[in-house]
C-alpha cells in the first residue's frame, strides 16, 4: 500500500513542474485573468434533482437553472438576498469577488431545499483545483487513480457538503465511492490551470451517480 500511495505522490510532484507553462496558456485563453467587477459575485447552480423547469428568485431577480449537475459561474450583484424557488427559500449574503455554489433541491447544513456553499478560491494560479460536492444521503469518498493504484483525497464527505483542494497539473483518474460501494469511476481527467474540475454526486432513480464538470465563467 505504501508503494501505491508513493507512486501517486511522485506523479503529483512531477505534475507541479509543468504548472507554470500551463498557467501561461490559461491566461492566453482569458478565462480566469479578467478581473471581477467590485460590485459583483460569481454564482453557479447545482441542480440536485437534475430537473427541467427549475428557476431561482434572488430577491426579485429570476435565474433559470439548467437540468445539469453544475452550471458555469455567472456574475450577480453582491449583497444580501432571499433566494427561493417554488417550495423553499433561504437567505445569503454574497461578498464582493467571492465564488458561490447554490444547490437546488438539496437537504442539509440546516437548510432544506436550497443550500448556499461558499467556494474556495485558488491561491496559486499555476495550479489546478478539484472540488467535490456530495448531495447523496450518505457520506462519500473521492479517490485519485493512477496506473491501477488509488489514494483517497476526500474521505466521508457529509451530505450537502463540499471539499476542495489545489493540485498540480496532471492527467489522473477519479473514483467516487460510498463505503465499499463504487459509485462512479473516471479513467482520465485532465487537471489544468484552465480546466479546474468539479465532481458532483447526487441521488438518481438508479442510485447515486457522479458527474464531472469543468469550472467555467459566463461573462
C-alpha atoms as a PDB file:
ATOM      1  CA  UNK A   1       0.000   0.000   0.000  1.00  0.00           C
ATOM      2  CA  UNK A   2       2.840   2.432   0.773  1.00  0.00           C
ATOM      3  CA  UNK A   3       4.300   1.929  -2.706  1.00  0.00           C
ATOM      4  CA  UNK A   4       0.913   2.646  -4.320  1.00  0.00           C
ATOM      5  CA  UNK A   5       0.424   5.893  -2.407  1.00  0.00           C
ATOM      6  CA  UNK A   6       4.021   6.923  -3.080  1.00  0.00           C
ATOM      7  CA  UNK A   7       3.540   6.433  -6.826  1.00  0.00           C
ATOM      8  CA  UNK A   8       0.642   8.873  -6.849  1.00  0.00           C
ATOM      9  CA  UNK A   9       2.576  11.351  -4.701  1.00  0.00           C
ATOM     10  CA  UNK A  10       5.504  11.253  -7.135  1.00  0.00           C
ATOM     11  CA  UNK A  11       3.161  11.849 -10.075  1.00  0.00           C
ATOM     12  CA  UNK A  12       1.635  14.870  -8.331  1.00  0.00           C
ATOM     13  CA  UNK A  13       5.069  16.342  -7.625  1.00  0.00           C
ATOM     14  CA  UNK A  14       6.191  15.818 -11.236  1.00  0.00           C
ATOM     15  CA  UNK A  15       2.973  17.387 -12.458  1.00  0.00           C
ATOM     16  CA  UNK A  16       3.718  20.525 -10.455  1.00  0.00           C
ATOM     17  CA  UNK A  17       6.855  21.157 -12.520  1.00  0.00           C
ATOM     18  CA  UNK A  18       4.802  21.963 -15.634  1.00  0.00           C
ATOM     19  CA  UNK A  19       2.306  24.165 -13.829  1.00  0.00           C
ATOM     20  CA  UNK A  20       3.887  27.490 -14.789  1.00  0.00           C
ATOM     21  CA  UNK A  21       3.763  26.747 -18.523  1.00  0.00           C
ATOM     22  CA  UNK A  22       0.135  25.661 -18.347  1.00  0.00           C
ATOM     23  CA  UNK A  23      -0.776  28.850 -16.481  1.00  0.00           C
ATOM     24  CA  UNK A  24       0.564  30.911 -19.380  1.00  0.00           C
ATOM     25  CA  UNK A  25      -1.754  29.044 -21.729  1.00  0.00           C
ATOM     26  CA  UNK A  26      -4.663  29.561 -19.346  1.00  0.00           C
ATOM     27  CA  UNK A  27      -4.010  33.303 -19.287  1.00  0.00           C
ATOM     28  CA  UNK A  28      -3.985  33.333 -23.090  1.00  0.00           C
ATOM     29  CA  UNK A  29      -7.415  31.717 -23.004  1.00  0.00           C
ATOM     30  CA  UNK A  30      -8.609  34.615 -20.844  1.00  0.00           C
ATOM     31  CA  UNK A  31     -10.934  32.527 -18.697  1.00  0.00           C
ATOM     32  CA  UNK A  32      -9.627  33.486 -15.255  1.00  0.00           C
ATOM     33  CA  UNK A  33      -7.443  36.536 -15.808  1.00  0.00           C
ATOM     34  CA  UNK A  34     -10.240  39.096 -16.326  1.00  0.00           C
ATOM     35  CA  UNK A  35     -10.911  40.967 -13.055  1.00  0.00           C
ATOM     36  CA  UNK A  36     -14.244  40.539 -11.302  1.00  0.00           C
ATOM     37  CA  UNK A  37     -16.130  43.864 -11.020  1.00  0.00           C
ATOM     38  CA  UNK A  38     -16.092  45.235  -7.480  1.00  0.00           C
ATOM     39  CA  UNK A  39     -19.887  45.143  -7.236  1.00  0.00           C
ATOM     40  CA  UNK A  40     -20.233  41.521  -8.410  1.00  0.00           C
ATOM     41  CA  UNK A  41     -20.011  37.998  -7.032  1.00  0.00           C
ATOM     42  CA  UNK A  42     -19.707  34.749  -9.001  1.00  0.00           C
ATOM     43  CA  UNK A  43     -22.562  32.283  -8.527  1.00  0.00           C
ATOM     44  CA  UNK A  44     -23.246  28.900 -10.126  1.00  0.00           C
ATOM     45  CA  UNK A  45     -26.101  26.446  -9.716  1.00  0.00           C
ATOM     46  CA  UNK A  46     -26.089  22.774  -8.740  1.00  0.00           C
ATOM     47  CA  UNK A  47     -29.301  21.033  -9.807  1.00  0.00           C
ATOM     48  CA  UNK A  48     -29.505  18.191  -7.294  1.00  0.00           C
ATOM     49  CA  UNK A  49     -32.551  16.531  -8.885  1.00  0.00           C
ATOM     50  CA  UNK A  50     -31.376  17.210 -12.484  1.00  0.00           C
ATOM     51  CA  UNK A  51     -34.865  18.590 -13.140  1.00  0.00           C
ATOM     52  CA  UNK A  52     -36.159  20.674 -16.027  1.00  0.00           C
ATOM     53  CA  UNK A  53     -38.032  23.905 -15.440  1.00  0.00           C
ATOM     54  CA  UNK A  54     -36.226  24.941 -12.251  1.00  0.00           C
ATOM     55  CA  UNK A  55     -35.765  28.646 -11.577  1.00  0.00           C
ATOM     56  CA  UNK A  56     -34.482  30.666  -8.644  1.00  0.00           C
ATOM     57  CA  UNK A  57     -35.585  34.067  -7.421  1.00  0.00           C
ATOM     58  CA  UNK A  58     -32.840  36.277  -5.959  1.00  0.00           C
ATOM     59  CA  UNK A  59     -34.912  38.974  -4.237  1.00  0.00           C
ATOM     60  CA  UNK A  60     -36.827  39.636  -7.444  1.00  0.00           C
ATOM     61  CA  UNK A  61     -34.171  38.612  -9.991  1.00  0.00           C
ATOM     62  CA  UNK A  62     -35.087  35.413 -11.837  1.00  0.00           C
ATOM     63  CA  UNK A  63     -32.488  32.848 -12.934  1.00  0.00           C
ATOM     64  CA  UNK A  64     -33.199  29.631 -14.846  1.00  0.00           C
ATOM     65  CA  UNK A  65     -31.362  26.531 -13.588  1.00  0.00           C
ATOM     66  CA  UNK A  66     -30.345  24.129 -16.350  1.00  0.00           C
ATOM     67  CA  UNK A  67     -31.038  20.382 -15.844  1.00  0.00           C
ATOM     68  CA  UNK A  68     -27.331  19.616 -15.394  1.00  0.00           C
ATOM     69  CA  UNK A  69     -25.354  18.793 -12.277  1.00  0.00           C
ATOM     70  CA  UNK A  70     -23.328  22.021 -12.282  1.00  0.00           C
ATOM     71  CA  UNK A  71     -23.603  25.229 -14.305  1.00  0.00           C
ATOM     72  CA  UNK A  72     -20.967  27.823 -15.165  1.00  0.00           C
ATOM     73  CA  UNK A  73     -20.479  30.751 -12.814  1.00  0.00           C
ATOM     74  CA  UNK A  74     -22.379  33.915 -13.651  1.00  0.00           C
ATOM     75  CA  UNK A  75     -21.911  37.461 -12.367  1.00  0.00           C
ATOM     76  CA  UNK A  76     -24.515  38.577  -9.830  1.00  0.00           C
ATOM     77  CA  UNK A  77     -24.508  41.834  -7.890  1.00  0.00           C
ATOM     78  CA  UNK A  78     -23.210  41.326  -4.375  1.00  0.00           C
ATOM     79  CA  UNK A  79     -25.317  41.983  -1.293  1.00  0.00           C
ATOM     80  CA  UNK A  80     -27.957  40.212   0.799  1.00  0.00           C
ATOM     81  CA  UNK A  81     -30.590  38.085  -0.934  1.00  0.00           C
ATOM     82  CA  UNK A  82     -33.605  35.962  -0.209  1.00  0.00           C
ATOM     83  CA  UNK A  83     -33.154  33.004  -2.580  1.00  0.00           C
ATOM     84  CA  UNK A  84     -36.280  30.981  -3.299  1.00  0.00           C
ATOM     85  CA  UNK A  85     -37.895  28.514  -5.668  1.00  0.00           C
ATOM     86  CA  UNK A  86     -41.445  27.136  -5.747  1.00  0.00           C
ATOM     87  CA  UNK A  87     -41.117  25.230  -2.478  1.00  0.00           C
ATOM     88  CA  UNK A  88     -38.334  26.624  -0.299  1.00  0.00           C
ATOM     89  CA  UNK A  89     -36.174  29.644   0.446  1.00  0.00           C
ATOM     90  CA  UNK A  90     -33.034  30.710   2.269  1.00  0.00           C
ATOM     91  CA  UNK A  91     -31.062  33.887   2.842  1.00  0.00           C
ATOM     92  CA  UNK A  92     -27.477  34.559   1.812  1.00  0.00           C
ATOM     93  CA  UNK A  93     -25.031  37.427   1.666  1.00  0.00           C
ATOM     94  CA  UNK A  94     -22.825  37.490  -1.428  1.00  0.00           C
ATOM     95  CA  UNK A  95     -19.465  39.135  -0.764  1.00  0.00           C
ATOM     96  CA  UNK A  96     -17.610  41.162  -3.427  1.00  0.00           C
ATOM     97  CA  UNK A  97     -15.465  38.998  -5.716  1.00  0.00           C
ATOM     98  CA  UNK A  98     -16.331  35.737  -3.952  1.00  0.00           C
ATOM     99  CA  UNK A  99     -17.453  32.450  -5.513  1.00  0.00           C
ATOM    100  CA  UNK A 100     -20.612  30.554  -4.515  1.00  0.00           C
ATOM    101  CA  UNK A 101     -22.450  27.375  -5.499  1.00  0.00           C
ATOM    102  CA  UNK A 102     -26.207  27.381  -4.904  1.00  0.00           C
ATOM    103  CA  UNK A 103     -27.631  23.859  -4.726  1.00  0.00           C
ATOM    104  CA  UNK A 104     -31.327  23.464  -5.558  1.00  0.00           C
ATOM    105  CA  UNK A 105     -33.367  20.501  -4.319  1.00  0.00           C
ATOM    106  CA  UNK A 106     -30.920  19.734  -1.505  1.00  0.00           C
ATOM    107  CA  UNK A 107     -31.144  18.988   2.177  1.00  0.00           C
ATOM    108  CA  UNK A 108     -28.503  19.650   4.797  1.00  0.00           C
ATOM    109  CA  UNK A 109     -26.428  22.303   6.551  1.00  0.00           C
ATOM    110  CA  UNK A 110     -29.526  23.472   8.438  1.00  0.00           C
ATOM    111  CA  UNK A 111     -31.309  24.290   5.160  1.00  0.00           C
ATOM    112  CA  UNK A 112     -33.971  22.399   3.268  1.00  0.00           C
ATOM    113  CA  UNK A 113     -34.303  22.686  -0.495  1.00  0.00           C
ATOM    114  CA  UNK A 114     -31.640  25.337  -1.159  1.00  0.00           C
ATOM    115  CA  UNK A 115     -28.058  25.234   0.125  1.00  0.00           C
ATOM    116  CA  UNK A 116     -25.584  28.082  -0.461  1.00  0.00           C
ATOM    117  CA  UNK A 117     -21.937  26.965  -0.400  1.00  0.00           C
ATOM    118  CA  UNK A 118     -19.035  29.456  -0.370  1.00  0.00           C
ATOM    119  CA  UNK A 119     -16.490  28.037  -2.817  1.00  0.00           C
ATOM    120  CA  UNK A 120     -12.751  28.096  -2.222  1.00  0.00           C
ATOM    121  CA  UNK A 121     -10.619  30.314  -4.416  1.00  0.00           C
ATOM    122  CA  UNK A 122      -7.395  29.028  -5.997  1.00  0.00           C
ATOM    123  CA  UNK A 123      -4.467  30.738  -4.288  1.00  0.00           C
ATOM    124  CA  UNK A 124      -1.764  29.512  -6.680  1.00  0.00           C
ATOM    125  CA  UNK A 125      -2.780  30.396 -10.271  1.00  0.00           C
ATOM    126  CA  UNK A 126      -0.268  27.919 -11.737  1.00  0.00           C
ATOM    127  CA  UNK A 127      -2.121  25.006 -10.126  1.00  0.00           C
ATOM    128  CA  UNK A 128      -5.368  23.272 -10.880  1.00  0.00           C
ATOM    129  CA  UNK A 129      -8.130  22.562  -8.386  1.00  0.00           C
ATOM    130  CA  UNK A 130     -10.536  19.721  -7.725  1.00  0.00           C
ATOM    131  CA  UNK A 131     -13.810  20.311  -5.869  1.00  0.00           C
ATOM    132  CA  UNK A 132     -16.143  17.581  -4.608  1.00  0.00           C
ATOM    133  CA  UNK A 133     -19.854  18.128  -3.855  1.00  0.00           C
ATOM    134  CA  UNK A 134     -21.861  15.380  -2.150  1.00  0.00           C
ATOM    135  CA  UNK A 135     -25.634  15.554  -2.459  1.00  0.00           C
ATOM    136  CA  UNK A 136     -26.481  11.937  -1.729  1.00  0.00           C
ATOM    137  CA  UNK A 137     -27.935  10.607   1.527  1.00  0.00           C
ATOM    138  CA  UNK A 138     -24.657   9.081   2.760  1.00  0.00           C
ATOM    139  CA  UNK A 139     -21.027  10.208   3.275  1.00  0.00           C
ATOM    140  CA  UNK A 140     -18.992   9.858   0.081  1.00  0.00           C
ATOM    141  CA  UNK A 141     -15.310   9.474  -0.846  1.00  0.00           C
ATOM    142  CA  UNK A 142     -13.294  10.766  -3.790  1.00  0.00           C
ATOM    143  CA  UNK A 143     -10.092   8.930  -4.724  1.00  0.00           C
ATOM    144  CA  UNK A 144      -7.273   9.610  -7.183  1.00  0.00           C
ATOM    145  CA  UNK A 145      -6.378   6.765  -9.574  1.00  0.00           C
ATOM    146  CA  UNK A 146      -3.071   6.245 -11.368  1.00  0.00           C
ATOM    147  CA  UNK A 147      -1.803   3.076 -13.092  1.00  0.00           C
ATOM    148  CA  UNK A 148      -4.115   0.853 -11.073  1.00  0.00           C
ATOM    149  CA  UNK A 149      -3.242   2.479  -7.741  1.00  0.00           C
ATOM    150  CA  UNK A 150      -5.527   4.697  -5.678  1.00  0.00           C
ATOM    151  CA  UNK A 151      -5.333   7.298  -2.926  1.00  0.00           C
ATOM    152  CA  UNK A 152      -8.324   8.769  -1.086  1.00  0.00           C
ATOM    153  CA  UNK A 153      -8.347  12.555  -1.488  1.00  0.00           C
ATOM    154  CA  UNK A 154     -11.623  13.324   0.330  1.00  0.00           C
ATOM    155  CA  UNK A 155     -12.984  10.790   2.826  1.00  0.00           C
ATOM    156  CA  UNK A 156     -16.511  10.585   4.236  1.00  0.00           C
ATOM    157  CA  UNK A 157     -17.694  13.933   2.916  1.00  0.00           C
ATOM    158  CA  UNK A 158     -21.047  14.580   4.561  1.00  0.00           C
ATOM    159  CA  UNK A 159     -24.259  15.044   2.555  1.00  0.00           C
ATOM    160  CA  UNK A 160     -24.837  18.639   1.365  1.00  0.00           C
ATOM    161  CA  UNK A 161     -21.139  19.450   1.824  1.00  0.00           C
ATOM    162  CA  UNK A 162     -18.176  20.446  -0.343  1.00  0.00           C
ATOM    163  CA  UNK A 163     -14.428  19.837  -0.176  1.00  0.00           C
ATOM    164  CA  UNK A 164     -11.772  21.364  -2.445  1.00  0.00           C
ATOM    165  CA  UNK A 165      -8.032  21.064  -2.926  1.00  0.00           C
ATOM    166  CA  UNK A 166      -5.420  22.654  -5.157  1.00  0.00           C
ATOM    167  CA  UNK A 167      -3.498  20.090  -7.198  1.00  0.00           C
ATOM    168  CA  UNK A 168      -0.657  20.265  -9.715  1.00  0.00           C
ATOM    169  CA  UNK A 169      -1.403  19.993 -13.414  1.00  0.00           C
ATOM    170  CA  UNK A 170      -1.834  16.305 -14.181  1.00  0.00           C
ATOM    171  CA  UNK A 171      -3.929  13.700 -16.026  1.00  0.00           C
ATOM    172  CA  UNK A 172      -5.380  11.333 -13.450  1.00  0.00           C
ATOM    173  CA  UNK A 173      -8.327   9.006 -12.844  1.00  0.00           C
ATOM    174  CA  UNK A 174     -11.039   9.653 -10.268  1.00  0.00           C
ATOM    175  CA  UNK A 175     -13.377   7.362  -8.361  1.00  0.00           C
ATOM    176  CA  UNK A 176     -16.389   8.143  -6.169  1.00  0.00           C
ATOM    177  CA  UNK A 177     -17.499   5.644  -3.544  1.00  0.00           C
ATOM    178  CA  UNK A 178     -19.803   5.262  -0.557  1.00  0.00           C
ATOM    179  CA  UNK A 179     -18.062   2.992   1.902  1.00  0.00           C
ATOM    180  CA  UNK A 180     -17.040  -0.089  -0.108  1.00  0.00           C
ATOM    181  CA  UNK A 181     -19.569   0.632  -2.874  1.00  0.00           C
ATOM    182  CA  UNK A 182     -18.194   2.132  -6.082  1.00  0.00           C
ATOM    183  CA  UNK A 183     -20.438   4.894  -7.440  1.00  0.00           C
ATOM    184  CA  UNK A 184     -18.537   6.319 -10.431  1.00  0.00           C
ATOM    185  CA  UNK A 185     -15.085   5.867 -11.942  1.00  0.00           C
ATOM    186  CA  UNK A 186     -13.463   8.189 -14.488  1.00  0.00           C
ATOM    187  CA  UNK A 187     -10.439   6.740 -16.263  1.00  0.00           C
ATOM    188  CA  UNK A 188      -8.768  10.027 -17.233  1.00  0.00           C
ATOM    189  CA  UNK A 189      -9.414  13.600 -16.131  1.00  0.00           C
ATOM    190  CA  UNK A 190      -7.139  16.469 -17.192  1.00  0.00           C
ATOM    191  CA  UNK A 191      -6.449  18.861 -14.333  1.00  0.00           C
ATOM    192  CA  UNK A 192      -5.072  22.132 -15.722  1.00  0.00           C
ATOM    193  CA  UNK A 193      -4.990  25.749 -14.600  1.00  0.00           C
ATOM    194  CA  UNK A 194      -7.560  26.481 -17.305  1.00  0.00           C
ATOM    195  CA  UNK A 195      -9.778  23.450 -16.704  1.00  0.00           C
ATOM    196  CA  UNK A 196     -10.283  23.173 -12.965  1.00  0.00           C
ATOM    197  CA  UNK A 197     -12.617  20.284 -12.316  1.00  0.00           C
ATOM    198  CA  UNK A 198     -15.606  19.507 -10.109  1.00  0.00           C
ATOM    199  CA  UNK A 199     -17.135  16.170  -9.178  1.00  0.00           C
ATOM    200  CA  UNK A 200     -20.789  16.237  -8.133  1.00  0.00           C
ATOM    201  CA  UNK A 201     -22.505  13.141  -6.735  1.00  0.00           C
ATOM    202  CA  UNK A 202     -26.312  13.108  -6.462  1.00  0.00           C
ATOM    203  CA  UNK A 203     -29.135  10.645  -5.941  1.00  0.00           C
ATOM    204  CA  UNK A 204     -30.882   9.369  -9.070  1.00  0.00           C
ATOM    205  CA  UNK A 205     -33.720   6.830  -9.580  1.00  0.00           C
ATOM    206  CA  UNK A 206     -30.987   4.227 -10.170  1.00  0.00           C
ATOM    207  CA  UNK A 207     -28.992   5.162  -7.074  1.00  0.00           C
ATOM    208  CA  UNK A 208     -26.135   7.614  -6.512  1.00  0.00           C
ATOM    209  CA  UNK A 209     -24.261   8.854  -9.590  1.00  0.00           C
ATOM    210  CA  UNK A 210     -21.243  11.084 -10.087  1.00  0.00           C
ATOM    211  CA  UNK A 211     -20.833  13.855 -12.677  1.00  0.00           C
ATOM    212  CA  UNK A 212     -17.730  15.717 -13.841  1.00  0.00           C
ATOM    213  CA  UNK A 213     -17.924  19.420 -14.725  1.00  0.00           C
ATOM    214  CA  UNK A 214     -15.124  21.818 -15.616  1.00  0.00           C
ATOM    215  CA  UNK A 215     -15.236  25.224 -13.947  1.00  0.00           C
ATOM    216  CA  UNK A 216     -16.486  27.863 -16.364  1.00  0.00           C
ATOM    217  CA  UNK A 217     -17.493  31.517 -16.186  1.00  0.00           C
ATOM    218  CA  UNK A 218     -20.239  33.160 -18.257  1.00  0.00           C
ATOM    219  CA  UNK A 219     -19.367  36.817 -18.590  1.00  0.00           C
END
